Amino acid sequence: MELEVSTAWTKIQGMINGAISLLPNLVLALIVFAIFWFIARGIKSLVKRLTRRHRQARNLGLVLGRLSQGIVILIGLFIALSIVIPCLRQET
């Protein structure tokens, strides 16, 4: 019974150490994603502002604004994941 508890405790300690060593990369990935999120909001408002003057283009502006926002957020997510995922592979 003692052997099983010490083995479990060793694995738990390894998981905690791995999570702590991964923290800087997680923080960096969150910062990168937040930057892309703010850029996406700015692009969306810019597209809406550019199409506000034309009555027929308002709906198109909404659609293009949301589409561009989604694309920029998706790119930011991929970049943030590319920061975190290689670190996960090194840990295993």
PDB file of N, CA and C in Angstrom:
ATOM      1  N   MET A   1       0.824  -1.200   0.000  1.00  0.00           N
ATOM      2  CA  MET A   1       0.000   0.000   0.000  1.00  0.00           C
ATOM      3  C   MET A   1       0.868   1.265   0.000  1.00  0.00           C
ATOM      4  N   GLU A   2       1.977   1.202   0.735  1.00  0.00           N
ATOM      5  CA  GLU A   2       2.868   2.356   0.825  1.00  0.00           C
ATOM      6  C   GLU A   2       3.488   2.678  -0.538  1.00  0.00           C
ATOM      7  N   LEU A   3       3.791   1.654  -1.301  1.00  0.00           N
ATOM      8  CA  LEU A   3       4.391   1.847  -2.617  1.00  0.00           C
ATOM      9  C   LEU A   3       3.425   2.539  -3.569  1.00  0.00           C
ATOM     10  N   GLU A   4       2.150   2.193  -3.513  1.00  0.00           N
ATOM     11  CA  GLU A   4       1.157   2.800  -4.386  1.00  0.00           C
ATOM     12  C   GLU A   4       0.962   4.285  -4.074  1.00  0.00           C
ATOM     13  N   VAL A   5       0.984   4.645  -2.812  1.00  0.00           N
ATOM     14  CA  VAL A   5       0.801   6.042  -2.414  1.00  0.00           C
ATOM     15  C   VAL A   5       2.006   6.875  -2.849  1.00  0.00           C
ATOM     16  N   SER A   6       3.207   6.350  -2.679  1.00  0.00           N
ATOM     17  CA  SER A   6       4.389   7.116  -3.070  1.00  0.00           C
ATOM     18  C   SER A   6       4.472   7.262  -4.593  1.00  0.00           C
ATOM     19  N   THR A   7       4.037   6.263  -5.322  1.00  0.00           N
ATOM     20  CA  THR A   7       4.018   6.363  -6.781  1.00  0.00           C
ATOM     21  C   THR A   7       3.010   7.405  -7.233  1.00  0.00           C
ATOM     22  N   ALA A   8       1.844   7.400  -6.625  1.00  0.00           N
ATOM     23  CA  ALA A   8       0.818   8.394  -6.961  1.00  0.00           C
ATOM     24  C   ALA A   8       1.310   9.798  -6.609  1.00  0.00           C
ATOM     25  N   TRP A   9       1.942   9.947  -5.461  1.00  0.00           N
ATOM     26  CA  TRP A   9       2.432  11.262  -5.041  1.00  0.00           C
ATOM     27  C   TRP A   9       3.532  11.761  -5.985  1.00  0.00           C
ATOM     28  N   THR A  10       4.381  10.873  -6.456  1.00  0.00           N
ATOM     29  CA  THR A  10       5.425  11.242  -7.399  1.00  0.00           C
ATOM     30  C   THR A  10       4.820  11.718  -8.718  1.00  0.00           C
ATOM     31  N   LYS A  11       3.791  11.035  -9.180  1.00  0.00           N
ATOM     32  CA  LYS A  11       3.135  11.457 -10.419  1.00  0.00           C
ATOM     33  C   LYS A  11       2.439  12.801 -10.247  1.00  0.00           C
ATOM     34  N   ILE A  12       1.810  13.015  -9.097  1.00  0.00           N
ATOM     35  CA  ILE A  12       1.149  14.298  -8.838  1.00  0.00           C
ATOM     36  C   ILE A  12       2.179  15.424  -8.804  1.00  0.00           C
ATOM     37  N   GLN A  13       3.304  15.193  -8.170  1.00  0.00           N
ATOM     38  CA  GLN A  13       4.360  16.204  -8.129  1.00  0.00           C
ATOM     39  C   GLN A  13       4.885  16.509  -9.529  1.00  0.00           C
ATOM     40  N   GLY A  14       5.022  15.493 -10.359  1.00  0.00           N
ATOM     41  CA  GLY A  14       5.466  15.706 -11.731  1.00  0.00           C
ATOM     42  C   GLY A  14       4.463  16.539 -12.518  1.00  0.00           C
ATOM     43  N   MET A  15       3.171  16.278 -12.320  1.00  0.00           N
ATOM     44  CA  MET A  15       2.147  17.060 -13.013  1.00  0.00           C
ATOM     45  C   MET A  15       2.162  18.513 -12.548  1.00  0.00           C
ATOM     46  N   ILE A  16       2.336  18.743 -11.268  1.00  0.00           N
ATOM     47  CA  ILE A  16       2.378  20.109 -10.731  1.00  0.00           C
ATOM     48  C   ILE A  16       3.608  20.843 -11.270  1.00  0.00           C
ATOM     49  N   ASN A  17       4.747  20.171 -11.279  1.00  0.00           N
ATOM     50  CA  ASN A  17       5.961  20.800 -11.820  1.00  0.00           C
ATOM     51  C   ASN A  17       5.812  21.120 -13.301  1.00  0.00           C
ATOM     52  N   GLY A  18       5.162  20.237 -14.051  1.00  0.00           N
ATOM     53  CA  GLY A  18       4.924  20.496 -15.462  1.00  0.00           C
ATOM     54  C   GLY A  18       4.010  21.683 -15.685  1.00  0.00           C
ATOM     55  N   ALA A  19       2.967  21.799 -14.850  1.00  0.00           N
ATOM     56  CA  ALA A  19       2.044  22.930 -14.971  1.00  0.00           C
ATOM     57  C   ALA A  19       2.741  24.246 -14.626  1.00  0.00           C
ATOM     58  N   ILE A  20       3.592  24.218 -13.620  1.00  0.00           N
ATOM     59  CA  ILE A  20       4.307  25.433 -13.238  1.00  0.00           C
ATOM     60  C   ILE A  20       5.296  25.849 -14.319  1.00  0.00           C
ATOM     61  N   SER A  21       5.963  24.890 -14.939  1.00  0.00           N
ATOM     62  CA  SER A  21       6.914  25.245 -15.999  1.00  0.00           C
ATOM     63  C   SER A  21       6.194  25.732 -17.264  1.00  0.00           C
ATOM     64  N   LEU A  22       4.928  25.399 -17.407  1.00  0.00           N
ATOM     65  CA  LEU A  22       4.155  25.819 -18.571  1.00  0.00           C
ATOM     66  C   LEU A  22       3.515  27.200 -18.389  1.00  0.00           C
ATOM     67  N   LEU A  23       3.464  27.712 -17.164  1.00  0.00           N
ATOM     68  CA  LEU A  23       2.799  28.989 -16.877  1.00  0.00           C
ATOM     69  C   LEU A  23       3.306  30.177 -17.701  1.00  0.00           C
ATOM     70  N   PRO A  24       4.612  30.385 -17.857  1.00  0.00           N
ATOM     71  CA  PRO A  24       5.040  31.550 -18.663  1.00  0.00           C
ATOM     72  C   PRO A  24       4.526  31.505 -20.100  1.00  0.00           C
ATOM     73  N   ASN A  25       4.521  30.332 -20.695  1.00  0.00           N
ATOM     74  CA  ASN A  25       4.023  30.222 -22.066  1.00  0.00           C
ATOM     75  C   ASN A  25       2.516  30.433 -22.133  1.00  0.00           C
ATOM     76  N   LEU A  26       1.791  29.974 -21.125  1.00  0.00           N
ATOM     77  CA  LEU A  26       0.348  30.219 -21.092  1.00  0.00           C
ATOM     78  C   LEU A  26       0.035  31.707 -20.970  1.00  0.00           C
ATOM     79  N   VAL A  27       0.791  32.400 -20.129  1.00  0.00           N
ATOM     80  CA  VAL A  27       0.589  33.840 -19.966  1.00  0.00           C
ATOM     81  C   VAL A  27       0.902  34.564 -21.271  1.00  0.00           C
ATOM     82  N   LEU A  28       1.989  34.184 -21.922  1.00  0.00           N
ATOM     83  CA  LEU A  28       2.347  34.802 -23.197  1.00  0.00           C
ATOM     84  C   LEU A  28       1.272  34.541 -24.253  1.00  0.00           C
ATOM     85  N   ALA A  29       0.752  33.326 -24.292  1.00  0.00           N
ATOM     86  CA  ALA A  29      -0.296  32.995 -25.256  1.00  0.00           C
ATOM     87  C   ALA A  29      -1.567  33.800 -24.977  1.00  0.00           C
ATOM     88  N   LEU A  30      -1.917  33.991 -23.719  1.00  0.00           N
ATOM     89  CA  LEU A  30      -3.094  34.804 -23.377  1.00  0.00           C
ATOM     90  C   LEU A  30      -2.900  36.259 -23.777  1.00  0.00           C
ATOM     91  N   ILE A  31      -1.702  36.781 -23.593  1.00  0.00           N
ATOM     92  CA  ILE A  31      -1.418  38.163 -23.988  1.00  0.00           C
ATOM     93  C   ILE A  31      -1.526  38.316 -25.507  1.00  0.00           C
ATOM     94  N   VAL A  32      -0.965  37.364 -26.246  1.00  0.00           N
ATOM     95  CA  VAL A  32      -1.036  37.414 -27.713  1.00  0.00           C
ATOM     96  C   VAL A  32      -2.480  37.337 -28.178  1.00  0.00           C
ATOM     97  N   PHE A  33      -3.254  36.442 -27.578  1.00  0.00           N
ATOM     98  CA  PHE A  33      -4.660  36.314 -27.964  1.00  0.00           C
ATOM     99  C   PHE A  33      -5.439  37.585 -27.640  1.00  0.00           C
ATOM    100  N   ALA A  34      -5.160  38.201 -26.497  1.00  0.00           N
ATOM    101  CA  ALA A  34      -5.849  39.449 -26.132  1.00  0.00           C
ATOM    102  C   ALA A  34      -5.516  40.566 -27.112  1.00  0.00           C
ATOM    103  N   ILE A  35      -4.269  40.635 -27.548  1.00  0.00           N
ATOM    104  CA  ILE A  35      -3.880  41.647 -28.542  1.00  0.00           C
ATOM    105  C   ILE A  35      -4.654  41.453 -29.833  1.00  0.00           C
ATOM    106  N   PHE A  36      -4.734  40.206 -30.296  1.00  0.00           N
ATOM    107  CA  PHE A  36      -5.483  39.931 -31.520  1.00  0.00           C
ATOM    108  C   PHE A  36      -6.969  40.215 -31.344  1.00  0.00           C
ATOM    109  N   TRP A  37      -7.486  39.978 -30.154  1.00  0.00           N
ATOM    110  CA  TRP A  37      -8.903  40.244 -29.896  1.00  0.00           C
ATOM    111  C   TRP A  37      -9.193  41.743 -30.013  1.00  0.00           C
ATOM    112  N   PHE A  38      -8.321  42.578 -29.447  1.00  0.00           N
ATOM    113  CA  PHE A  38      -8.510  44.028 -29.547  1.00  0.00           C
ATOM    114  C   PHE A  38      -8.335  44.513 -30.988  1.00  0.00           C
ATOM    115  N   ILE A  39      -7.378  43.937 -31.705  1.00  0.00           N
ATOM    116  CA  ILE A  39      -7.208  44.291 -33.111  1.00  0.00           C
ATOM    117  C   ILE A  39      -8.457  43.925 -33.902  1.00  0.00           C
ATOM    118  N   ALA A  40      -9.041  42.769 -33.613  1.00  0.00           N
ATOM    119  CA  ALA A  40     -10.241  42.324 -34.315  1.00  0.00           C
ATOM    120  C   ALA A  40     -11.414  43.265 -34.049  1.00  0.00           C
ATOM    121  N   ARG A  41     -11.547  43.721 -32.818  1.00  0.00           N
ATOM    122  CA  ARG A  41     -12.611  44.683 -32.517  1.00  0.00           C
ATOM    123  C   ARG A  41     -12.409  45.982 -33.278  1.00  0.00           C
ATOM    124  N   GLY A  42     -11.167  46.427 -33.383  1.00  0.00           N
ATOM    125  CA  GLY A  42     -10.875  47.647 -34.128  1.00  0.00           C
ATOM    126  C   GLY A  42     -11.176  47.503 -35.611  1.00  0.00           C
ATOM    127  N   ILE A  43     -10.833  46.365 -36.173  1.00  0.00           N
ATOM    128  CA  ILE A  43     -11.112  46.127 -37.590  1.00  0.00           C
ATOM    129  C   ILE A  43     -12.616  46.083 -37.834  1.00  0.00           C
ATOM    130  N   LYS A  44     -13.341  45.448 -36.938  1.00  0.00           N
ATOM    131  CA  LYS A  44     -14.798  45.377 -37.094  1.00  0.00           C
ATOM    132  C   LYS A  44     -15.419  46.771 -37.069  1.00  0.00           C
ATOM    133  N   SER A  45     -15.007  47.602 -36.138  1.00  0.00           N
ATOM    134  CA  SER A  45     -15.571  48.947 -36.068  1.00  0.00           C
ATOM    135  C   SER A  45     -15.136  49.793 -37.270  1.00  0.00           C
ATOM    136  N   LEU A  46     -13.930  49.575 -37.777  1.00  0.00           N
ATOM    137  CA  LEU A  46     -13.468  50.296 -38.956  1.00  0.00           C
ATOM    138  C   LEU A  46     -14.307  49.934 -40.181  1.00  0.00           C
ATOM    139  N   VAL A  47     -14.581  48.659 -40.369  1.00  0.00           N
ATOM    140  CA  VAL A  47     -15.386  48.229 -41.511  1.00  0.00           C
ATOM    141  C   VAL A  47     -16.805  48.783 -41.382  1.00  0.00           C
ATOM    142  N   LYS A  48     -17.362  48.748 -40.192  1.00  0.00           N
ATOM    143  CA  LYS A  48     -18.708  49.293 -39.991  1.00  0.00           C
ATOM    144  C   LYS A  48     -18.733  50.793 -40.255  1.00  0.00           C
ATOM    145  N   ARG A  49     -17.692  51.492 -39.831  1.00  0.00           N
ATOM    146  CA  ARG A  49     -17.629  52.935 -40.051  1.00  0.00           C
ATOM    147  C   ARG A  49     -17.483  53.286 -41.529  1.00  0.00           C
ATOM    148  N   LEU A  50     -16.718  52.487 -42.251  1.00  0.00           N
ATOM    149  CA  LEU A  50     -16.518  52.757 -43.681  1.00  0.00           C
ATOM    150  C   LEU A  50     -17.798  52.522 -44.482  1.00  0.00           C
ATOM    151  N   THR A  51     -18.623  51.611 -44.050  1.00  0.00           N
ATOM    152  CA  THR A  51     -19.844  51.303 -44.804  1.00  0.00           C
ATOM    153  C   THR A  51     -21.065  52.017 -44.250  1.00  0.00           C
ATOM    154  N   ARG A  52     -20.909  52.819 -43.230  1.00  0.00           N
ATOM    155  CA  ARG A  52     -22.045  53.506 -42.620  1.00  0.00           C
ATOM    156  C   ARG A  52     -22.649  54.560 -43.552  1.00  0.00           C
ATOM    157  N   ARG A  53     -21.831  55.151 -44.384  1.00  0.00           N
ATOM    158  CA  ARG A  53     -22.303  56.238 -45.244  1.00  0.00           C
ATOM    159  C   ARG A  53     -23.216  55.748 -46.362  1.00  0.00           C
ATOM    160  N   HIS A  54     -23.011  54.530 -46.786  1.00  0.00           N
ATOM    161  CA  HIS A  54     -23.803  53.989 -47.888  1.00  0.00           C
ATOM    162  C   HIS A  54     -24.950  53.157 -47.332  1.00  0.00           C
ATOM    163  N   ARG A  55     -26.151  53.558 -47.649  1.00  0.00           N
ATOM    164  CA  ARG A  55     -27.326  52.896 -47.081  1.00  0.00           C
ATOM    165  C   ARG A  55     -27.408  51.422 -47.493  1.00  0.00           C
ATOM    166  N   GLN A  56     -27.112  51.117 -48.746  1.00  0.00           N
ATOM    167  CA  GLN A  56     -27.212  49.738 -49.212  1.00  0.00           C
ATOM    168  C   GLN A  56     -26.097  48.860 -48.644  1.00  0.00           C
ATOM    169  N   ALA A  57     -25.020  49.455 -48.231  1.00  0.00           N
ATOM    170  CA  ALA A  57     -23.859  48.673 -47.792  1.00  0.00           C
ATOM    171  C   ALA A  57     -23.829  48.449 -46.280  1.00  0.00           C
ATOM    172  N   ARG A  58     -24.829  48.900 -45.544  1.00  0.00           N
ATOM    173  CA  ARG A  58     -24.794  48.740 -44.086  1.00  0.00           C
ATOM    174  C   ARG A  58     -24.811  47.268 -43.678  1.00  0.00           C
ATOM    175  N   ASN A  59     -25.719  46.501 -44.258  1.00  0.00           N
ATOM    176  CA  ASN A  59     -25.771  45.080 -43.913  1.00  0.00           C
ATOM    177  C   ASN A  59     -24.514  44.355 -44.362  1.00  0.00           C
ATOM    178  N   LEU A  60     -24.025  44.725 -45.537  1.00  0.00           N
ATOM    179  CA  LEU A  60     -22.775  44.142 -46.007  1.00  0.00           C
ATOM    180  C   LEU A  60     -21.626  44.509 -45.070  1.00  0.00           C
ATOM    181  N   GLY A  61     -21.643  45.727 -44.568  1.00  0.00           N
ATOM    182  CA  GLY A  61     -20.613  46.147 -43.617  1.00  0.00           C
ATOM    183  C   GLY A  61     -20.673  45.359 -42.330  1.00  0.00           C
ATOM    184  N   LEU A  62     -21.874  45.080 -41.853  1.00  0.00           N
ATOM    185  CA  LEU A  62     -22.001  44.261 -40.645  1.00  0.00           C
ATOM    186  C   LEU A  62     -21.442  42.854 -40.867  1.00  0.00           C
ATOM    187  N   VAL A  63     -21.813  42.283 -42.003  1.00  0.00           N
ATOM    188  CA  VAL A  63     -21.347  40.929 -42.298  1.00  0.00           C
ATOM    189  C   VAL A  63     -19.833  40.906 -42.472  1.00  0.00           C
ATOM    190  N   LEU A  64     -19.299  41.849 -43.250  1.00  0.00           N
ATOM    191  CA  LEU A  64     -17.849  41.883 -43.463  1.00  0.00           C
ATOM    192  C   LEU A  64     -17.098  42.194 -42.174  1.00  0.00           C
ATOM    193  N   GLY A  65     -17.677  43.052 -41.343  1.00  0.00           N
ATOM    194  CA  GLY A  65     -17.048  43.366 -40.065  1.00  0.00           C
ATOM    195  C   GLY A  65     -16.965  42.157 -39.154  1.00  0.00           C
ATOM    196  N   ARG A  66     -18.054  41.416 -39.059  1.00  0.00           N
ATOM    197  CA  ARG A  66     -18.048  40.212 -38.220  1.00  0.00           C
ATOM    198  C   ARG A  66     -17.140  39.133 -38.801  1.00  0.00           C
ATOM    199  N   LEU A  67     -17.144  39.019 -40.113  1.00  0.00           N
ATOM    200  CA  LEU A  67     -16.280  38.034 -40.760  1.00  0.00           C
ATOM    201  C   LEU A  67     -14.807  38.359 -40.536  1.00  0.00           C
ATOM    202  N   SER A  68     -14.447  39.615 -40.706  1.00  0.00           N
ATOM    203  CA  SER A  68     -13.045  39.996 -40.485  1.00  0.00           C
ATOM    204  C   SER A  68     -12.663  39.839 -39.019  1.00  0.00           C
ATOM    205  N   GLN A  69     -13.595  40.141 -38.112  1.00  0.00           N
ATOM    206  CA  GLN A  69     -13.319  39.953 -36.697  1.00  0.00           C
ATOM    207  C   GLN A  69     -13.090  38.474 -36.388  1.00  0.00           C
ATOM    208  N   GLY A  70     -13.913  37.626 -36.936  1.00  0.00           N
ATOM    209  CA  GLY A  70     -13.750  36.191 -36.705  1.00  0.00           C
ATOM    210  C   GLY A  70     -12.444  35.656 -37.260  1.00  0.00           C
ATOM    211  N   ILE A  71     -12.057  36.129 -38.425  1.00  0.00           N
ATOM    212  CA  ILE A  71     -10.807  35.658 -39.037  1.00  0.00           C
ATOM    213  C   ILE A  71      -9.603  36.091 -38.207  1.00  0.00           C
ATOM    214  N   VAL A  72      -9.605  37.348 -37.756  1.00  0.00           N
ATOM    215  CA  VAL A  72      -8.472  37.835 -36.958  1.00  0.00           C
ATOM    216  C   VAL A  72      -8.400  37.099 -35.616  1.00  0.00           C
ATOM    217  N   ILE A  73      -9.546  36.840 -35.000  1.00  0.00           N
ATOM    218  CA  ILE A  73      -9.550  36.090 -33.733  1.00  0.00           C
ATOM    219  C   ILE A  73      -9.062  34.664 -33.959  1.00  0.00           C
ATOM    220  N   LEU A  74      -9.446  34.057 -35.060  1.00  0.00           N
ATOM    221  CA  LEU A  74      -9.002  32.704 -35.366  1.00  0.00           C
ATOM    222  C   LEU A  74      -7.491  32.666 -35.592  1.00  0.00           C
ATOM    223  N   ILE A  75      -6.961  33.651 -36.290  1.00  0.00           N
ATOM    224  CA  ILE A  75      -5.508  33.722 -36.490  1.00  0.00           C
ATOM    225  C   ILE A  75      -4.803  33.891 -35.143  1.00  0.00           C
ATOM    226  N   GLY A  76      -5.347  34.755 -34.278  1.00  0.00           N
ATOM    227  CA  GLY A  76      -4.769  34.937 -32.951  1.00  0.00           C
ATOM    228  C   GLY A  76      -4.809  33.665 -32.126  1.00  0.00           C
ATOM    229  N   LEU A  77      -5.898  32.910 -32.246  1.00  0.00           N
ATOM    230  CA  LEU A  77      -6.002  31.646 -31.527  1.00  0.00           C
ATOM    231  C   LEU A  77      -4.957  30.658 -32.016  1.00  0.00           C
ATOM    232  N   PHE A  78      -4.753  30.574 -33.326  1.00  0.00           N
ATOM    233  CA  PHE A  78      -3.751  29.664 -33.860  1.00  0.00           C
ATOM    234  C   PHE A  78      -2.344  30.056 -33.415  1.00  0.00           C
ATOM    235  N   ILE A  79      -2.068  31.343 -33.388  1.00  0.00           N
ATOM    236  CA  ILE A  79      -0.742  31.787 -32.944  1.00  0.00           C
ATOM    237  C   ILE A  79      -0.551  31.489 -31.460  1.00  0.00           C
ATOM    238  N   ALA A  80      -1.585  31.729 -30.659  1.00  0.00           N
ATOM    239  CA  ALA A  80      -1.497  31.433 -29.225  1.00  0.00           C
ATOM    240  C   ALA A  80      -1.307  29.934 -28.991  1.00  0.00           C
ATOM    241  N   LEU A  81      -2.007  29.121 -29.753  1.00  0.00           N
ATOM    242  CA  LEU A  81      -1.835  27.670 -29.609  1.00  0.00           C
ATOM    243  C   LEU A  81      -0.450  27.224 -30.064  1.00  0.00           C
ATOM    244  N   SER A  82       0.102  27.894 -31.062  1.00  0.00           N
ATOM    245  CA  SER A  82       1.450  27.526 -31.506  1.00  0.00           C
ATOM    246  C   SER A  82       2.498  27.891 -30.461  1.00  0.00           C
ATOM    247  N   ILE A  83       2.169  28.788 -29.559  1.00  0.00           N
ATOM    248  CA  ILE A  83       3.079  29.105 -28.458  1.00  0.00           C
ATOM    249  C   ILE A  83       3.002  28.024 -27.383  1.00  0.00           C
ATOM    250  N   VAL A  84       1.802  27.506 -27.120  1.00  0.00           N
ATOM    251  CA  VAL A  84       1.604  26.577 -26.016  1.00  0.00           C
ATOM    252  C   VAL A  84       1.880  25.126 -26.416  1.00  0.00           C
ATOM    253  N   ILE A  85       1.446  24.706 -27.589  1.00  0.00           N
ATOM    254  CA  ILE A  85       1.503  23.286 -27.950  1.00  0.00           C
ATOM    255  C   ILE A  85       2.926  22.722 -28.028  1.00  0.00           C
ATOM    256  N   PRO A  86       3.916  23.416 -28.608  1.00  0.00           N
ATOM    257  CA  PRO A  86       5.263  22.822 -28.582  1.00  0.00           C
ATOM    258  C   PRO A  86       5.783  22.589 -27.173  1.00  0.00           C
ATOM    259  N   CYS A  87       5.383  23.414 -26.245  1.00  0.00           N
ATOM    260  CA  CYS A  87       5.815  23.224 -24.858  1.00  0.00           C
ATOM    261  C   CYS A  87       5.167  21.996 -24.249  1.00  0.00           C
ATOM    262  N   LEU A  88       3.940  21.701 -24.650  1.00  0.00           N
ATOM    263  CA  LEU A  88       3.273  20.497 -24.155  1.00  0.00           C
ATOM    264  C   LEU A  88       3.966  19.245 -24.660  1.00  0.00           C
ATOM    265  N   ARG A  89       4.452  19.278 -25.892  1.00  0.00           N
ATOM    266  CA  ARG A  89       5.126  18.115 -26.456  1.00  0.00           C
ATOM    267  C   ARG A  89       6.465  17.876 -25.782  1.00  0.00           C
ATOM    268  N   GLN A  90       7.150  18.914 -25.364  1.00  0.00           N
ATOM    269  CA  GLN A  90       8.442  18.748 -24.701  1.00  0.00           C
ATOM    270  C   GLN A  90       8.285  18.143 -23.314  1.00  0.00           C
ATOM    271  N   GLU A  91       7.155  18.418 -22.680  1.00  0.00           N
ATOM    272  CA  GLU A  91       6.926  17.912 -21.323  1.00  0.00           C
ATOM    273  C   GLU A  91       6.692  16.410 -21.326  1.00  0.00           C
ATOM    274  N   THR A  92       6.072  15.868 -22.360  1.00  0.00           N
ATOM    275  CA  THR A  92       5.739  14.436 -22.342  1.00  0.00           C
ATOM    276  C   THR A  92       6.865  13.567 -22.780  1.00  0.00           C
TER     277      THR A  92
END
